[in-house]
Amino acid sequence: MVNLMYLGHLDNDALIGGVSMGQACMNLMGMSIILGLNSALDTLVSQAAGAGKIELCGVYLNQARLIMTVMFIPILILVMHIEQFLLYVGQNHQVAFYAK
């Protein structure tokens, strides 16, 4: 929010749009996937701890680390090519550049 307030004083619509688009893409492609996977981990670890199976909590944690690492690779590829994707769907060139 602070970034957008600061950029609003620069009178550059493409810059404001690019920062907003970049933030939206980051939330949709990265944060939502990772937070969703971590929410599943919260449920599994809580159930295992409630059942008194502390070793199973460690197993879930290590499996989650592996899954998060594997999921980071396609997310990274998507983020690295976000400018081409935005141009493909018809976004303004300057906005896509700033979103990158």
PDB file of N, CA and C in Angstrom:
ATOM      1  N   MET A   1       0.815  -1.188   0.000  1.00  0.00           N
ATOM      2  CA  MET A   1       0.000   0.000   0.000  1.00  0.00           C
ATOM      3  C   MET A   1       0.865   1.261   0.000  1.00  0.00           C
ATOM      4  N   VAL A   2       1.943   1.223   0.764  1.00  0.00           N
ATOM      5  CA  VAL A   2       2.836   2.383   0.818  1.00  0.00           C
ATOM      6  C   VAL A   2       3.478   2.617  -0.538  1.00  0.00           C
ATOM      7  N   ASN A   3       3.849   1.527  -1.227  1.00  0.00           N
ATOM      8  CA  ASN A   3       4.446   1.674  -2.561  1.00  0.00           C
ATOM      9  C   ASN A   3       3.484   2.370  -3.515  1.00  0.00           C
ATOM     10  N   LEU A   4       2.214   1.972  -3.481  1.00  0.00           N
ATOM     11  CA  LEU A   4       1.232   2.584  -4.385  1.00  0.00           C
ATOM     12  C   LEU A   4       0.987   4.045  -4.029  1.00  0.00           C
ATOM     13  N   MET A   5       0.986   4.374  -2.759  1.00  0.00           N
ATOM     14  CA  MET A   5       0.809   5.779  -2.375  1.00  0.00           C
ATOM     15  C   MET A   5       1.989   6.616  -2.856  1.00  0.00           C
ATOM     16  N   TYR A   6       3.188   6.097  -2.730  1.00  0.00           N
ATOM     17  CA  TYR A   6       4.372   6.803  -3.205  1.00  0.00           C
ATOM     18  C   TYR A   6       4.342   6.943  -4.724  1.00  0.00           C
ATOM     19  N   LEU A   7       4.015   5.845  -5.428  1.00  0.00           N
ATOM     20  CA  LEU A   7       3.993   5.879  -6.891  1.00  0.00           C
ATOM     21  C   LEU A   7       2.881   6.765  -7.433  1.00  0.00           C
ATOM     22  N   GLY A   8       1.818   6.944  -6.657  1.00  0.00           N
ATOM     23  CA  GLY A   8       0.722   7.804  -7.089  1.00  0.00           C
ATOM     24  C   GLY A   8       1.148   9.248  -7.280  1.00  0.00           C
ATOM     25  N   HIS A   9       2.206   9.655  -6.602  1.00  0.00           N
ATOM     26  CA  HIS A   9       2.693  11.033  -6.729  1.00  0.00           C
ATOM     27  C   HIS A   9       3.636  11.211  -7.913  1.00  0.00           C
ATOM     28  N   LEU A  10       3.983  10.134  -8.592  1.00  0.00           N
ATOM     29  CA  LEU A  10       4.902  10.230  -9.731  1.00  0.00           C
ATOM     30  C   LEU A  10       4.188  10.456 -11.060  1.00  0.00           C
ATOM     31  N   ASP A  11       2.867  10.380 -11.069  1.00  0.00           N
ATOM     32  CA  ASP A  11       2.065  10.599 -12.281  1.00  0.00           C
ATOM     33  C   ASP A  11       2.492   9.687 -13.437  1.00  0.00           C
ATOM     34  N   ASN A  12       2.704   8.407 -13.136  1.00  0.00           N
ATOM     35  CA  ASN A  12       3.039   7.422 -14.157  1.00  0.00           C
ATOM     36  C   ASN A  12       2.055   6.263 -14.014  1.00  0.00           C
ATOM     37  N   ASP A  13       1.031   6.275 -14.871  1.00  0.00           N
ATOM     38  CA  ASP A  13      -0.019   5.258 -14.774  1.00  0.00           C
ATOM     39  C   ASP A  13       0.509   3.849 -15.023  1.00  0.00           C
ATOM     40  N   ALA A  14       1.469   3.715 -15.945  1.00  0.00           N
ATOM     41  CA  ALA A  14       2.016   2.391 -16.243  1.00  0.00           C
ATOM     42  C   ALA A  14       2.778   1.829 -15.046  1.00  0.00           C
ATOM     43  N   LEU A  15       3.463   2.673 -14.313  1.00  0.00           N
ATOM     44  CA  LEU A  15       4.207   2.232 -13.143  1.00  0.00           C
ATOM     45  C   LEU A  15       3.267   1.770 -12.038  1.00  0.00           C
ATOM     46  N   ILE A  16       2.208   2.509 -11.812  1.00  0.00           N
ATOM     47  CA  ILE A  16       1.211   2.116 -10.807  1.00  0.00           C
ATOM     48  C   ILE A  16       0.550   0.800 -11.209  1.00  0.00           C
ATOM     49  N   GLY A  17       0.176   0.685 -12.483  1.00  0.00           N
ATOM     50  CA  GLY A  17      -0.438  -0.545 -12.971  1.00  0.00           C
ATOM     51  C   GLY A  17       0.511  -1.731 -12.898  1.00  0.00           C
ATOM     52  N   GLY A  18       1.788  -1.496 -13.204  1.00  0.00           N
ATOM     53  CA  GLY A  18       2.765  -2.571 -13.167  1.00  0.00           C
ATOM     54  C   GLY A  18       3.005  -3.088 -11.757  1.00  0.00           C
ATOM     55  N   VAL A  19       3.090  -2.184 -10.800  1.00  0.00           N
ATOM     56  CA  VAL A  19       3.289  -2.612  -9.409  1.00  0.00           C
ATOM     57  C   VAL A  19       2.057  -3.358  -8.914  1.00  0.00           C
ATOM     58  N   SER A  20       0.880  -2.858  -9.240  1.00  0.00           N
ATOM     59  CA  SER A  20      -0.352  -3.544  -8.827  1.00  0.00           C
ATOM     60  C   SER A  20      -0.477  -4.912  -9.485  1.00  0.00           C
ATOM     61  N   MET A  21      -0.148  -4.991 -10.770  1.00  0.00           N
ATOM     62  CA  MET A  21      -0.223  -6.261 -11.485  1.00  0.00           C
ATOM     63  C   MET A  21       0.812  -7.249 -10.956  1.00  0.00           C
ATOM     64  N   GLY A  22       2.005  -6.758 -10.663  1.00  0.00           N
ATOM     65  CA  GLY A  22       3.038  -7.620 -10.100  1.00  0.00           C
ATOM     66  C   GLY A  22       2.639  -8.178  -8.745  1.00  0.00           C
ATOM     67  N   GLN A  23       2.039  -7.341  -7.911  1.00  0.00           N
ATOM     68  CA  GLN A  23       1.577  -7.793  -6.599  1.00  0.00           C
ATOM     69  C   GLN A  23       0.453  -8.816  -6.740  1.00  0.00           C
ATOM     70  N   ALA A  24      -0.460  -8.582  -7.657  1.00  0.00           N
ATOM     71  CA  ALA A  24      -1.558  -9.532  -7.873  1.00  0.00           C
ATOM     72  C   ALA A  24      -1.034 -10.869  -8.382  1.00  0.00           C
ATOM     73  N   CYS A  25      -0.086 -10.840  -9.309  1.00  0.00           N
ATOM     74  CA  CYS A  25       0.493 -12.087  -9.821  1.00  0.00           C
ATOM     75  C   CYS A  25       1.252 -12.830  -8.734  1.00  0.00           C
ATOM     76  N   MET A  26       1.953 -12.092  -7.895  1.00  0.00           N
ATOM     77  CA  MET A  26       2.686 -12.735  -6.813  1.00  0.00           C
ATOM     78  C   MET A  26       1.719 -13.393  -5.829  1.00  0.00           C
ATOM     79  N   ASN A  27       0.615 -12.732  -5.545  1.00  0.00           N
ATOM     80  CA  ASN A  27      -0.368 -13.309  -4.630  1.00  0.00           C
ATOM     81  C   ASN A  27      -1.053 -14.527  -5.236  1.00  0.00           C
ATOM     82  N   LEU A  28      -1.385 -14.458  -6.531  1.00  0.00           N
ATOM     83  CA  LEU A  28      -2.094 -15.564  -7.160  1.00  0.00           C
ATOM     84  C   LEU A  28      -1.201 -16.758  -7.463  1.00  0.00           C
ATOM     85  N   MET A  29       0.002 -16.508  -7.930  1.00  0.00           N
ATOM     86  CA  MET A  29       0.852 -17.606  -8.374  1.00  0.00           C
ATOM     87  C   MET A  29       1.737 -18.175  -7.278  1.00  0.00           C
ATOM     88  N   GLY A  30       2.089 -17.376  -6.325  1.00  0.00           N
ATOM     89  CA  GLY A  30       3.024 -17.851  -5.319  1.00  0.00           C
ATOM     90  C   GLY A  30       2.423 -18.024  -3.947  1.00  0.00           C
ATOM     91  N   MET A  31       1.957 -16.940  -3.400  1.00  0.00           N
ATOM     92  CA  MET A  31       1.509 -16.954  -2.009  1.00  0.00           C
ATOM     93  C   MET A  31       0.310 -17.871  -1.793  1.00  0.00           C
ATOM     94  N   SER A  32      -0.650 -17.850  -2.690  1.00  0.00           N
ATOM     95  CA  SER A  32      -1.847 -18.661  -2.477  1.00  0.00           C
ATOM     96  C   SER A  32      -1.528 -20.154  -2.521  1.00  0.00           C
ATOM     97  N   ILE A  33      -0.635 -20.561  -3.409  1.00  0.00           N
ATOM     98  CA  ILE A  33      -0.264 -21.976  -3.497  1.00  0.00           C
ATOM     99  C   ILE A  33       0.488 -22.404  -2.251  1.00  0.00           C
ATOM    100  N   ILE A  34       1.478 -21.634  -1.850  1.00  0.00           N
ATOM    101  CA  ILE A  34       2.290 -21.988  -0.684  1.00  0.00           C
ATOM    102  C   ILE A  34       1.455 -21.950   0.591  1.00  0.00           C
ATOM    103  N   LEU A  35       0.621 -20.940   0.750  1.00  0.00           N
ATOM    104  CA  LEU A  35      -0.221 -20.870   1.952  1.00  0.00           C
ATOM    105  C   LEU A  35      -1.230 -22.007   1.995  1.00  0.00           C
ATOM    106  N   GLY A  36      -1.756 -22.404   0.856  1.00  0.00           N
ATOM    107  CA  GLY A  36      -2.681 -23.532   0.817  1.00  0.00           C
ATOM    108  C   GLY A  36      -2.018 -24.831   1.232  1.00  0.00           C
ATOM    109  N   LEU A  37      -0.791 -25.046   0.746  1.00  0.00           N
ATOM    110  CA  LEU A  37      -0.070 -26.254   1.132  1.00  0.00           C
ATOM    111  C   LEU A  37       0.298 -26.237   2.613  1.00  0.00           C
ATOM    112  N   ASN A  38       0.665 -25.072   3.127  1.00  0.00           N
ATOM    113  CA  ASN A  38       0.992 -24.966   4.549  1.00  0.00           C
ATOM    114  C   ASN A  38      -0.242 -25.152   5.428  1.00  0.00           C
ATOM    115  N   SER A  39      -1.400 -24.779   4.958  1.00  0.00           N
ATOM    116  CA  SER A  39      -2.628 -24.989   5.725  1.00  0.00           C
ATOM    117  C   SER A  39      -2.908 -26.475   5.894  1.00  0.00           C
ATOM    118  N   ALA A  40      -2.636 -27.255   4.857  1.00  0.00           N
ATOM    119  CA  ALA A  40      -2.790 -28.707   4.969  1.00  0.00           C
ATOM    120  C   ALA A  40      -1.808 -29.266   5.990  1.00  0.00           C
ATOM    121  N   LEU A  41      -0.610 -28.712   6.032  1.00  0.00           N
ATOM    122  CA  LEU A  41       0.387 -29.155   7.005  1.00  0.00           C
ATOM    123  C   LEU A  41      -0.069 -28.856   8.431  1.00  0.00           C
ATOM    124  N   ASP A  42      -0.682 -27.701   8.655  1.00  0.00           N
ATOM    125  CA  ASP A  42      -1.194 -27.353   9.984  1.00  0.00           C
ATOM    126  C   ASP A  42      -2.195 -28.391  10.470  1.00  0.00           C
ATOM    127  N   THR A  43      -3.070 -28.804   9.592  1.00  0.00           N
ATOM    128  CA  THR A  43      -4.085 -29.789   9.964  1.00  0.00           C
ATOM    129  C   THR A  43      -3.459 -31.131  10.300  1.00  0.00           C
ATOM    130  N   LEU A  44      -2.554 -31.596   9.448  1.00  0.00           N
ATOM    131  CA  LEU A  44      -1.949 -32.910   9.658  1.00  0.00           C
ATOM    132  C   LEU A  44      -1.099 -32.953  10.924  1.00  0.00           C
ATOM    133  N   VAL A  45      -0.304 -31.920  11.151  1.00  0.00           N
ATOM    134  CA  VAL A  45       0.558 -31.903  12.332  1.00  0.00           C
ATOM    135  C   VAL A  45      -0.271 -31.795  13.603  1.00  0.00           C
ATOM    136  N   SER A  46      -1.325 -31.026  13.581  1.00  0.00           N
ATOM    137  CA  SER A  46      -2.185 -30.902  14.762  1.00  0.00           C
ATOM    138  C   SER A  46      -2.841 -32.231  15.106  1.00  0.00           C
ATOM    139  N   GLN A  47      -3.310 -32.946  14.096  1.00  0.00           N
ATOM    140  CA  GLN A  47      -3.928 -34.245  14.350  1.00  0.00           C
ATOM    141  C   GLN A  47      -2.914 -35.247  14.890  1.00  0.00           C
ATOM    142  N   ALA A  48      -1.703 -35.237  14.323  1.00  0.00           N
ATOM    143  CA  ALA A  48      -0.675 -36.171  14.786  1.00  0.00           C
ATOM    144  C   ALA A  48      -0.249 -35.842  16.216  1.00  0.00           C
ATOM    145  N   ALA A  49      -0.108 -34.570  16.529  1.00  0.00           N
ATOM    146  CA  ALA A  49       0.280 -34.179  17.887  1.00  0.00           C
ATOM    147  C   ALA A  49      -0.826 -34.507  18.878  1.00  0.00           C
ATOM    148  N   GLY A  50      -2.066 -34.318  18.489  1.00  0.00           N
ATOM    149  CA  GLY A  50      -3.191 -34.646  19.358  1.00  0.00           C
ATOM    150  C   GLY A  50      -3.294 -36.133  19.634  1.00  0.00           C
ATOM    151  N   ALA A  51      -2.857 -36.940  18.677  1.00  0.00           N
ATOM    152  CA  ALA A  51      -2.878 -38.393  18.856  1.00  0.00           C
ATOM    153  C   ALA A  51      -1.645 -38.894  19.597  1.00  0.00           C
ATOM    154  N   GLY A  52      -0.735 -37.976  19.925  1.00  0.00           N
ATOM    155  CA  GLY A  52       0.467 -38.355  20.648  1.00  0.00           C
ATOM    156  C   GLY A  52       1.559 -38.941  19.780  1.00  0.00           C
ATOM    157  N   LYS A  53       1.475 -38.761  18.489  1.00  0.00           N
ATOM    158  CA  LYS A  53       2.462 -39.309  17.555  1.00  0.00           C
ATOM    159  C   LYS A  53       3.424 -38.194  17.131  1.00  0.00           C
ATOM    160  N   ILE A  54       4.344 -37.867  18.014  1.00  0.00           N
ATOM    161  CA  ILE A  54       5.264 -36.760  17.765  1.00  0.00           C
ATOM    162  C   ILE A  54       6.203 -37.071  16.595  1.00  0.00           C
ATOM    163  N   GLU A  55       6.604 -38.330  16.442  1.00  0.00           N
ATOM    164  CA  GLU A  55       7.478 -38.700  15.331  1.00  0.00           C
ATOM    165  C   GLU A  55       6.790 -38.446  13.994  1.00  0.00           C
ATOM    166  N   LEU A  56       5.485 -38.669  13.948  1.00  0.00           N
ATOM    167  CA  LEU A  56       4.725 -38.431  12.724  1.00  0.00           C
ATOM    168  C   LEU A  56       4.700 -36.945  12.367  1.00  0.00           C
ATOM    169  N   CYS A  57       4.728 -36.090  13.391  1.00  0.00           N
ATOM    170  CA  CYS A  57       4.814 -34.643  13.127  1.00  0.00           C
ATOM    171  C   CYS A  57       6.095 -34.319  12.365  1.00  0.00           C
ATOM    172  N   GLY A  58       7.204 -34.930  12.769  1.00  0.00           N
ATOM    173  CA  GLY A  58       8.473 -34.731  12.066  1.00  0.00           C
ATOM    174  C   GLY A  58       8.439 -35.256  10.654  1.00  0.00           C
ATOM    175  N   VAL A  59       7.783 -36.381  10.462  1.00  0.00           N
ATOM    176  CA  VAL A  59       7.651 -36.941   9.109  1.00  0.00           C
ATOM    177  C   VAL A  59       6.867 -35.986   8.221  1.00  0.00           C
ATOM    178  N   TYR A  60       5.755 -35.471   8.750  1.00  0.00           N
ATOM    179  CA  TYR A  60       4.957 -34.509   7.978  1.00  0.00           C
ATOM    180  C   TYR A  60       5.763 -33.257   7.654  1.00  0.00           C
ATOM    181  N   LEU A  61       6.548 -32.789   8.617  1.00  0.00           N
ATOM    182  CA  LEU A  61       7.355 -31.593   8.391  1.00  0.00           C
ATOM    183  C   LEU A  61       8.376 -31.829   7.279  1.00  0.00           C
ATOM    184  N   ASN A  62       9.059 -32.959   7.320  1.00  0.00           N
ATOM    185  CA  ASN A  62      10.061 -33.247   6.289  1.00  0.00           C
ATOM    186  C   ASN A  62       9.424 -33.467   4.921  1.00  0.00           C
ATOM    187  N   GLN A  63       8.252 -34.105   4.876  1.00  0.00           N
ATOM    188  CA  GLN A  63       7.551 -34.262   3.609  1.00  0.00           C
ATOM    189  C   GLN A  63       7.116 -32.903   3.058  1.00  0.00           C
ATOM    190  N   ALA A  64       6.677 -32.036   3.955  1.00  0.00           N
ATOM    191  CA  ALA A  64       6.253 -30.698   3.522  1.00  0.00           C
ATOM    192  C   ALA A  64       7.435 -29.902   2.979  1.00  0.00           C
ATOM    193  N   ARG A  65       8.586 -30.041   3.584  1.00  0.00           N
ATOM    194  CA  ARG A  65       9.782 -29.359   3.063  1.00  0.00           C
ATOM    195  C   ARG A  65      10.082 -29.801   1.637  1.00  0.00           C
ATOM    196  N   LEU A  66       9.999 -31.088   1.403  1.00  0.00           N
ATOM    197  CA  LEU A  66      10.261 -31.618   0.063  1.00  0.00           C
ATOM    198  C   LEU A  66       9.221 -31.117  -0.936  1.00  0.00           C
ATOM    199  N   ILE A  67       7.969 -31.171  -0.550  1.00  0.00           N
ATOM    200  CA  ILE A  67       6.895 -30.729  -1.447  1.00  0.00           C
ATOM    201  C   ILE A  67       7.016 -29.245  -1.748  1.00  0.00           C
ATOM    202  N   MET A  68       7.330 -28.432  -0.735  1.00  0.00           N
ATOM    203  CA  MET A  68       7.498 -26.986  -0.954  1.00  0.00           C
ATOM    204  C   MET A  68       8.667 -26.709  -1.902  1.00  0.00           C
ATOM    205  N   THR A  69       9.743 -27.464  -1.755  1.00  0.00           N
ATOM    206  CA  THR A  69      10.890 -27.279  -2.641  1.00  0.00           C
ATOM    207  C   THR A  69      10.528 -27.641  -4.073  1.00  0.00           C
ATOM    208  N   VAL A  70       9.818 -28.735  -4.245  1.00  0.00           N
ATOM    209  CA  VAL A  70       9.413 -29.162  -5.589  1.00  0.00           C
ATOM    210  C   VAL A  70       8.422 -28.163  -6.192  1.00  0.00           C
ATOM    211  N   MET A  71       7.493 -27.649  -5.387  1.00  0.00           N
ATOM    212  CA  MET A  71       6.504 -26.686  -5.886  1.00  0.00           C
ATOM    213  C   MET A  71       7.124 -25.329  -6.200  1.00  0.00           C
ATOM    214  N   PHE A  72       8.262 -25.029  -5.590  1.00  0.00           N
ATOM    215  CA  PHE A  72       8.917 -23.760  -5.852  1.00  0.00           C
ATOM    216  C   PHE A  72       9.417 -23.672  -7.281  1.00  0.00           C
ATOM    217  N   ILE A  73       9.783 -24.793  -7.875  1.00  0.00           N
ATOM    218  CA  ILE A  73      10.347 -24.791  -9.231  1.00  0.00           C
ATOM    219  C   ILE A  73       9.336 -24.310 -10.272  1.00  0.00           C
ATOM    220  N   PRO A  74       8.099 -24.864 -10.357  1.00  0.00           N
ATOM    221  CA  PRO A  74       7.159 -24.321 -11.355  1.00  0.00           C
ATOM    222  C   PRO A  74       6.725 -22.889 -11.052  1.00  0.00           C
ATOM    223  N   ILE A  75       6.644 -22.552  -9.766  1.00  0.00           N
ATOM    224  CA  ILE A  75       6.291 -21.165  -9.418  1.00  0.00           C
ATOM    225  C   ILE A  75       7.382 -20.225  -9.902  1.00  0.00           C
ATOM    226  N   LEU A  76       8.630 -20.600  -9.716  1.00  0.00           N
ATOM    227  CA  LEU A  76       9.751 -19.785 -10.176  1.00  0.00           C
ATOM    228  C   LEU A  76       9.730 -19.621 -11.686  1.00  0.00           C
ATOM    229  N   ILE A  77       9.433 -20.685 -12.408  1.00  0.00           N
ATOM    230  CA  ILE A  77       9.362 -20.611 -13.868  1.00  0.00           C
ATOM    231  C   ILE A  77       8.239 -19.667 -14.304  1.00  0.00           C
ATOM    232  N   LEU A  78       7.082 -19.754 -13.641  1.00  0.00           N
ATOM    233  CA  LEU A  78       5.981 -18.842 -13.963  1.00  0.00           C
ATOM    234  C   LEU A  78       6.356 -17.388 -13.698  1.00  0.00           C
ATOM    235  N   VAL A  79       6.993 -17.137 -12.587  1.00  0.00           N
ATOM    236  CA  VAL A  79       7.356 -15.763 -12.235  1.00  0.00           C
ATOM    237  C   VAL A  79       8.415 -15.219 -13.194  1.00  0.00           C
ATOM    238  N   MET A  80       9.341 -16.070 -13.622  1.00  0.00           N
ATOM    239  CA  MET A  80      10.383 -15.613 -14.534  1.00  0.00           C
ATOM    240  C   MET A  80       9.826 -15.242 -15.904  1.00  0.00           C
ATOM    241  N   HIS A  81       8.686 -15.820 -16.283  1.00  0.00           N
ATOM    242  CA  HIS A  81       8.096 -15.549 -17.598  1.00  0.00           C
ATOM    243  C   HIS A  81       6.792 -14.763 -17.498  1.00  0.00           C
ATOM    244  N   ILE A  82       6.620 -14.021 -16.429  1.00  0.00           N
ATOM    245  CA  ILE A  82       5.352 -13.308 -16.228  1.00  0.00           C
ATOM    246  C   ILE A  82       5.151 -12.208 -17.274  1.00  0.00           C
ATOM    247  N   GLU A  83       6.232 -11.577 -17.716  1.00  0.00           N
ATOM    248  CA  GLU A  83       6.069 -10.517 -18.720  1.00  0.00           C
ATOM    249  C   GLU A  83       5.506 -11.076 -20.021  1.00  0.00           C
ATOM    250  N   GLN A  84       6.021 -12.211 -20.483  1.00  0.00           N
ATOM    251  CA  GLN A  84       5.516 -12.816 -21.715  1.00  0.00           C
ATOM    252  C   GLN A  84       4.062 -13.261 -21.548  1.00  0.00           C
ATOM    253  N   PHE A  85       3.733 -13.786 -20.365  1.00  0.00           N
ATOM    254  CA  PHE A  85       2.357 -14.207 -20.121  1.00  0.00           C
ATOM    255  C   PHE A  85       1.410 -13.013 -20.142  1.00  0.00           C
ATOM    256  N   LEU A  86       1.786 -11.928 -19.500  1.00  0.00           N
ATOM    257  CA  LEU A  86       0.921 -10.738 -19.480  1.00  0.00           C
ATOM    258  C   LEU A  86       0.763 -10.144 -20.871  1.00  0.00           C
ATOM    259  N   LEU A  87       1.825 -10.148 -21.656  1.00  0.00           N
ATOM    260  CA  LEU A  87       1.713  -9.659 -23.035  1.00  0.00           C
ATOM    261  C   LEU A  87       0.822 -10.574 -23.865  1.00  0.00           C
ATOM    262  N   TYR A  88       0.886 -11.871 -23.620  1.00  0.00           N
ATOM    263  CA  TYR A  88       0.057 -12.824 -24.351  1.00  0.00           C
ATOM    264  C   TYR A  88      -1.432 -12.606 -24.081  1.00  0.00           C
ATOM    265  N   VAL A  89      -1.782 -12.270 -22.848  1.00  0.00           N
ATOM    266  CA  VAL A  89      -3.191 -12.056 -22.513  1.00  0.00           C
ATOM    267  C   VAL A  89      -3.657 -10.643 -22.833  1.00  0.00           C
ATOM    268  N   GLY A  90      -2.768  -9.813 -23.416  1.00  0.00           N
ATOM    269  CA  GLY A  90      -3.187  -8.504 -23.904  1.00  0.00           C
ATOM    270  C   GLY A  90      -2.894  -7.336 -22.987  1.00  0.00           C
ATOM    271  N   GLN A  91      -2.004  -7.503 -22.040  1.00  0.00           N
ATOM    272  CA  GLN A  91      -1.667  -6.410 -21.132  1.00  0.00           C
ATOM    273  C   GLN A  91      -0.757  -5.410 -21.839  1.00  0.00           C
ATOM    274  N   ASN A  92      -0.804  -4.169 -21.405  1.00  0.00           N
ATOM    275  CA  ASN A  92       0.039  -3.107 -21.934  1.00  0.00           C
ATOM    276  C   ASN A  92       1.509  -3.490 -21.753  1.00  0.00           C
ATOM    277  N   HIS A  93       2.352  -3.137 -22.727  1.00  0.00           N
ATOM    278  CA  HIS A  93       3.768  -3.516 -22.694  1.00  0.00           C
ATOM    279  C   HIS A  93       4.485  -2.919 -21.479  1.00  0.00           C
ATOM    280  N   GLN A  94       4.239  -1.644 -21.199  1.00  0.00           N
ATOM    281  CA  GLN A  94       4.911  -1.006 -20.064  1.00  0.00           C
ATOM    282  C   GLN A  94       4.455  -1.597 -18.733  1.00  0.00           C
ATOM    283  N   VAL A  95       3.174  -1.882 -18.614  1.00  0.00           N
ATOM    284  CA  VAL A  95       2.648  -2.473 -17.383  1.00  0.00           C
ATOM    285  C   VAL A  95       3.258  -3.857 -17.181  1.00  0.00           C
ATOM    286  N   ALA A  96       3.347  -4.642 -18.254  1.00  0.00           N
ATOM    287  CA  ALA A  96       3.942  -5.973 -18.153  1.00  0.00           C
ATOM    288  C   ALA A  96       5.413  -5.880 -17.792  1.00  0.00           C
ATOM    289  N   PHE A  97       6.113  -4.886 -18.320  1.00  0.00           N
ATOM    290  CA  PHE A  97       7.523  -4.706 -17.994  1.00  0.00           C
ATOM    291  C   PHE A  97       7.704  -4.365 -16.521  1.00  0.00           C
ATOM    292  N   TYR A  98       6.897  -3.448 -16.011  1.00  0.00           N
ATOM    293  CA  TYR A  98       7.006  -3.071 -14.599  1.00  0.00           C
ATOM    294  C   TYR A  98       6.543  -4.193 -13.672  1.00  0.00           C
ATOM    295  N   ALA A  99       5.608  -4.997 -14.116  1.00  0.00           N
ATOM    296  CA  ALA A  99       5.138  -6.124 -13.287  1.00  0.00           C
ATOM    297  C   ALA A  99       6.231  -7.171 -13.155  1.00  0.00           C
ATOM    298  N   LYS A 100       7.064  -7.268 -14.165  1.00  0.00           N
ATOM    299  CA  LYS A 100       8.162  -8.244 -14.128  1.00  0.00           C
ATOM    300  C   LYS A 100       9.111  -7.876 -13.021  1.00  0.00           C
TER     301      LYS A 100
END
